[in-house]
Amino acid sequence: MSTDSDPTTDAEDRPTTGTSDQLVVENVVTGYGNHEIIHDVSAKSHEGVTCIFGPNGSGKSTLIKAMGGKLPLWSGRKRMGDRDLTDANASDMVDAGVITVPQDGGLFPSMTVRENLLMGGHSVDDDDLVSRRMDEAYEAFPILEEKTAAKATSLSGGQQMMLSFARAMVSGADVFLLDEPSAGLAPTLVDDVMEQVRTLVDRGVQVVLVEQNVKTALRVADHVYILAQGRTQFDGPPADLAEEDELIELYLGIK
């Protein structure tokens, strides 16, 4: 695979703090209605950034929905550390420390930045803890503190994604599931989103990232899965992709 720069450089140079537990799914089968999309797939959140790549229709978003409890498992198993979460829904997953940030960010546009952050802590029964987490979110994304009284709809696309990440931080999650966070953003903002993903990891969380901007995402990736037709085609560190040129070109369109 030939690129303008080594796609693993940023991730290798970046320290990761990580969590002790990983979100693990094993031999997952799931889909919609009677249509099976994911066929016996196993994956987990690795320290740092875990990227899930694949062509359109490969099952990437379906897999991340299953990981986050938004889609039930037809068969297989899901756990966080030693805690079995096979039958957990999205709310249960948040309680277990796993939060999904949807493609559109899921913000409340008519609410202010501060109000959106408070919503991130709605299930936390400790006002002091929510306040501390909000301070940490503002520290991670200083522009949000400057705009704390502004409505979410007034923010730029990149700032709205910051707010989505910051709101998830307030929940106290250990694992963030990000479903194509750069979708719909101007190309000039894609690098900014990847910088924001790095910020999350530097704050001590694991990130599972579904992303179409493969070359950019590879620069922050610590582990990669490639799906095609609902099955795993590659599972390993990004450095190993250099030896999989045919796979990369076939499934990701990178030459």
Protein backbone atom coordinates (compact mmCIF):
# COMPACT_ATOMS: atom_id res chain seq x y z
CA MET A 1 0.00 0.00 0.00
CA SER A 2 1.49 3.33 -0.98
CA THR A 3 0.49 6.49 0.87
CA ASP A 4 2.01 9.90 1.28
CA SER A 5 3.11 9.04 4.80
CA ASP A 6 3.29 6.09 7.17
CA PRO A 7 -0.30 5.65 8.40
CA THR A 8 0.80 4.21 11.73
CA THR A 9 3.14 7.02 12.76
CA ASP A 10 0.72 9.15 14.77
CA ALA A 11 -0.72 6.22 16.69
CA GLU A 12 2.68 4.75 17.52
CA ASP A 13 4.01 8.06 18.83
CA ARG A 14 0.92 8.71 20.94
CA PRO A 15 0.81 7.42 24.53
CA THR A 16 -2.36 5.62 25.56
CA THR A 17 -3.72 5.43 29.06
CA GLY A 18 -6.52 2.98 28.42
CA THR A 19 -8.88 1.08 30.71
CA SER A 20 -8.52 -2.30 32.35
CA ASP A 21 -11.56 -3.83 30.64
CA GLN A 22 -12.30 -4.34 26.96
CA LEU A 23 -15.64 -4.55 25.23
CA VAL A 24 -15.67 -7.96 23.56
CA VAL A 25 -18.14 -9.52 21.13
CA GLU A 26 -17.72 -13.15 20.14
CA ASN A 27 -19.22 -15.06 17.20
CA VAL A 28 -21.92 -12.45 16.69
CA VAL A 29 -24.78 -13.06 14.29
CA THR A 30 -27.34 -10.29 13.83
CA GLY A 31 -29.25 -8.23 11.29
CA TYR A 32 -32.64 -6.66 10.58
CA GLY A 33 -35.94 -8.48 10.26
CA ASN A 34 -35.16 -11.79 8.57
CA HIS A 35 -32.04 -10.44 6.87
CA GLU A 36 -28.78 -11.59 8.45
CA ILE A 37 -26.06 -8.93 8.06
CA ILE A 38 -23.29 -10.01 10.45
CA HIS A 39 -22.11 -13.62 10.18
CA ASP A 40 -20.09 -15.03 13.10
CA VAL A 41 -17.95 -11.93 13.74
CA SER A 42 -15.71 -11.48 16.78
CA ALA A 43 -14.14 -8.14 17.73
CA LYS A 44 -13.09 -6.12 20.75
CA SER A 45 -12.03 -2.65 21.82
CA HIS A 46 -8.25 -2.43 21.98
CA GLU A 47 -6.18 0.11 23.86
CA GLY A 48 -6.31 3.36 21.92
CA VAL A 49 -8.31 3.46 18.67
CA THR A 50 -9.85 0.39 17.07
CA CYS A 51 -10.97 1.08 13.50
CA ILE A 52 -13.61 -0.90 11.63
CA PHE A 53 -13.31 -0.47 7.87
CA GLY A 54 -15.07 -1.98 4.89
CA PRO A 55 -16.99 -1.15 1.74
CA ASN A 56 -20.56 0.14 1.81
CA GLY A 57 -22.94 -2.58 2.94
CA SER A 58 -20.22 -4.59 4.65
CA GLY A 59 -21.92 -4.48 8.06
CA LYS A 60 -19.72 -1.92 9.84
CA SER A 61 -22.53 0.15 11.32
CA THR A 62 -24.57 -2.98 12.06
CA LEU A 63 -21.66 -4.39 14.05
CA ILE A 64 -21.16 -1.21 16.07
CA LYS A 65 -24.91 -1.07 16.81
CA ALA A 66 -24.72 -4.62 18.09
CA MET A 67 -21.69 -3.73 20.21
CA GLY A 68 -23.52 -0.75 21.69
CA GLY A 69 -26.79 -2.53 22.45
CA LYS A 70 -28.80 -0.74 19.79
CA LEU A 71 -29.29 -4.03 17.95
CA PRO A 72 -29.86 -7.39 19.69
CA LEU A 73 -27.57 -10.33 19.10
CA TRP A 74 -29.23 -13.26 17.35
CA SER A 75 -26.42 -15.46 18.58
CA GLY A 76 -22.99 -14.97 20.06
CA ARG A 77 -21.84 -13.23 23.21
CA LYS A 78 -20.97 -9.74 24.43
CA ARG A 79 -19.08 -8.78 27.58
CA MET A 80 -17.18 -5.98 29.27
CA GLY A 81 -14.38 -7.47 31.28
CA ASP A 82 -16.03 -10.31 33.21
CA ARG A 83 -19.51 -8.77 32.98
CA ASP A 84 -21.83 -10.55 30.57
CA LEU A 85 -23.74 -8.06 28.41
CA THR A 86 -25.12 -10.37 25.76
CA ASP A 87 -28.72 -9.23 26.30
CA ALA A 88 -27.90 -5.62 27.24
CA ASN A 89 -29.71 -2.77 25.50
CA ALA A 90 -28.22 0.67 24.84
CA SER A 91 -29.15 1.99 28.28
CA ASP A 92 -27.60 -1.05 29.96
CA MET A 93 -24.43 -0.51 27.92
CA VAL A 94 -24.13 3.09 29.14
CA ASP A 95 -24.44 1.81 32.72
CA ALA A 96 -21.65 -0.66 31.90
CA GLY A 97 -19.40 2.13 30.61
CA VAL A 98 -20.00 1.89 26.86
CA ILE A 99 -21.50 4.82 24.95
CA THR A 100 -22.38 5.21 21.28
CA VAL A 101 -21.94 8.54 19.50
CA PRO A 102 -24.18 8.37 16.42
CA GLN A 103 -23.24 9.66 12.99
CA ASP A 104 -25.09 12.95 13.47
CA GLY A 105 -23.75 13.41 17.00
CA GLY A 106 -27.20 13.14 18.57
CA LEU A 107 -27.16 16.66 19.99
CA PHE A 108 -30.17 18.65 21.16
CA PRO A 109 -29.86 21.60 18.75
CA SER A 110 -32.07 24.04 20.66
CA MET A 111 -30.19 23.46 23.92
CA THR A 112 -27.02 25.30 24.88
CA VAL A 113 -23.60 23.71 25.06
CA ARG A 114 -23.87 23.53 28.83
CA GLU A 115 -27.34 21.98 28.70
CA ASN A 116 -26.15 19.34 26.24
CA LEU A 117 -23.26 18.48 28.54
CA LEU A 118 -25.62 18.18 31.49
CA MET A 119 -27.70 15.74 29.46
CA GLY A 120 -24.59 13.59 29.17
CA GLY A 121 -24.71 13.14 32.93
CA HIS A 122 -28.44 12.60 33.24
CA SER A 123 -27.98 9.05 34.55
CA VAL A 124 -25.23 10.04 37.03
CA ASP A 125 -26.69 10.48 40.51
CA ASP A 126 -23.91 12.74 41.78
CA ASP A 127 -24.00 16.44 40.90
CA ASP A 128 -20.43 17.03 42.04
CA LEU A 129 -19.18 14.22 39.79
CA VAL A 130 -21.10 15.60 36.82
CA SER A 131 -19.61 19.04 37.50
CA ARG A 132 -16.08 17.62 37.63
CA ARG A 133 -16.62 15.73 34.39
CA MET A 134 -17.95 18.85 32.72
CA ASP A 135 -14.81 20.72 33.81
CA GLU A 136 -12.72 17.92 32.30
CA ALA A 137 -14.71 18.13 29.07
CA TYR A 138 -14.15 21.88 28.88
CA GLU A 139 -10.45 21.30 29.54
CA ALA A 140 -10.32 18.77 26.70
CA PHE A 141 -12.23 21.04 24.29
CA PRO A 142 -11.63 24.65 25.44
CA ILE A 143 -13.68 26.23 22.64
CA LEU A 144 -16.79 24.70 24.21
CA GLU A 145 -16.25 26.62 27.45
CA GLU A 146 -16.07 29.82 25.43
CA LYS A 147 -19.40 28.91 23.84
CA THR A 148 -21.05 27.38 26.90
CA ALA A 149 -24.16 29.58 26.58
CA ALA A 150 -24.47 29.18 22.79
CA LYS A 151 -27.08 26.89 21.30
CA ALA A 152 -25.70 23.70 19.77
CA THR A 153 -27.22 24.60 16.41
CA SER A 154 -25.04 27.72 16.25
CA LEU A 155 -21.80 25.72 16.40
CA SER A 156 -19.78 24.76 13.35
CA GLY A 157 -19.83 21.13 12.23
CA GLY A 158 -16.49 20.43 13.86
CA GLN A 159 -17.54 22.11 17.11
CA GLN A 160 -20.76 20.10 17.18
CA MET A 161 -18.73 16.90 16.96
CA MET A 162 -16.55 18.19 19.83
CA LEU A 163 -19.72 18.73 21.84
CA SER A 164 -20.92 15.20 21.05
CA PHE A 165 -17.62 13.78 22.29
CA ALA A 166 -17.60 16.04 25.35
CA ARG A 167 -21.16 15.09 26.26
CA ALA A 168 -20.18 11.43 26.07
CA MET A 169 -17.25 12.19 28.40
CA VAL A 170 -19.67 13.49 31.02
CA SER A 171 -21.35 10.06 31.08
CA GLY A 172 -18.08 8.61 32.40
CA ALA A 173 -17.90 5.94 29.69
CA ASP A 174 -14.75 3.82 29.31
CA VAL A 175 -15.45 2.78 25.71
CA PHE A 176 -16.69 5.15 22.99
CA LEU A 177 -18.33 3.69 19.87
CA LEU A 178 -18.11 6.27 17.07
CA ASP A 179 -20.17 5.65 13.95
CA GLU A 180 -18.62 7.65 11.07
CA PRO A 181 -18.06 10.90 13.02
CA SER A 182 -16.67 12.72 9.97
CA ALA A 183 -19.69 11.95 7.76
CA GLY A 184 -21.16 15.10 6.25
CA LEU A 185 -18.27 17.29 7.34
CA ALA A 186 -16.13 19.31 4.96
CA PRO A 187 -12.92 17.48 3.98
CA THR A 188 -10.89 20.14 5.79
CA LEU A 189 -12.56 19.12 9.08
CA VAL A 190 -11.84 15.39 8.87
CA ASP A 191 -8.33 15.81 10.30
CA ASP A 192 -9.83 17.88 13.13
CA VAL A 193 -12.21 15.06 14.01
CA MET A 194 -9.31 12.60 14.17
CA GLU A 195 -7.49 15.01 16.48
CA GLN A 196 -10.59 15.00 18.69
CA VAL A 197 -10.54 11.20 18.70
CA ARG A 198 -6.94 11.38 19.91
CA THR A 199 -8.04 13.74 22.66
CA LEU A 200 -10.53 11.14 23.89
CA VAL A 201 -7.86 8.43 23.98
CA ASP A 202 -5.43 10.72 25.77
CA ARG A 203 -8.16 11.16 28.39
CA GLY A 204 -8.05 7.43 29.08
CA VAL A 205 -10.83 5.84 27.02
CA GLN A 206 -10.89 3.19 24.34
CA VAL A 207 -12.41 4.22 21.01
CA VAL A 208 -14.02 1.96 18.43
CA LEU A 209 -14.29 3.93 15.21
CA VAL A 210 -16.29 3.17 12.06
CA GLU A 211 -14.97 5.48 9.37
CA GLN A 212 -15.07 5.86 5.58
CA ASN A 213 -12.04 8.20 5.46
CA VAL A 214 -9.66 5.28 5.66
CA LYS A 215 -6.31 6.98 5.02
CA THR A 216 -6.97 9.63 7.65
CA ALA A 217 -8.31 7.17 10.22
CA LEU A 218 -5.34 4.85 9.74
CA ARG A 219 -3.10 7.58 11.15
CA VAL A 220 -4.79 7.23 14.54
CA ALA A 221 -5.52 3.49 14.43
CA ASP A 222 -3.97 1.08 16.92
CA HIS A 223 -5.92 -1.95 15.68
CA VAL A 224 -7.93 -2.59 12.52
CA TYR A 225 -10.79 -4.82 11.49
CA ILE A 226 -11.89 -5.02 7.86
CA LEU A 227 -15.36 -6.36 7.13
CA ALA A 228 -16.81 -7.44 3.80
CA GLN A 229 -20.21 -9.02 3.29
CA GLY A 230 -20.65 -9.25 7.04
CA ARG A 231 -17.50 -11.28 7.66
CA THR A 232 -14.07 -10.43 9.04
CA GLN A 233 -11.43 -10.15 6.30
CA PHE A 234 -8.62 -8.69 8.42
CA ASP A 235 -7.93 -8.45 12.15
CA GLY A 236 -4.64 -6.96 13.27
CA PRO A 237 -2.43 -3.93 13.80
CA PRO A 238 -2.33 -1.33 11.01
CA ALA A 239 1.35 -2.03 10.35
CA ASP A 240 0.38 -5.48 9.06
CA LEU A 241 -1.77 -3.92 6.35
CA ALA A 242 1.40 -3.02 4.48
CA GLU A 243 1.66 -6.73 3.66
CA GLU A 244 -1.98 -6.93 2.56
CA ASP A 245 -1.94 -4.70 -0.54
CA GLU A 246 -4.41 -6.83 -2.48
CA LEU A 247 -6.83 -6.88 0.47
CA ILE A 248 -6.57 -3.11 0.91
CA GLU A 249 -7.17 -2.39 -2.76
CA LEU A 250 -10.01 -4.89 -3.03
CA TYR A 251 -12.00 -3.86 0.06
CA LEU A 252 -10.93 -0.28 0.79
CA GLY A 253 -10.06 1.10 -2.62
CA ILE A 254 -6.58 2.23 -1.55
CA LYS A 255 -3.78 1.57 -4.03
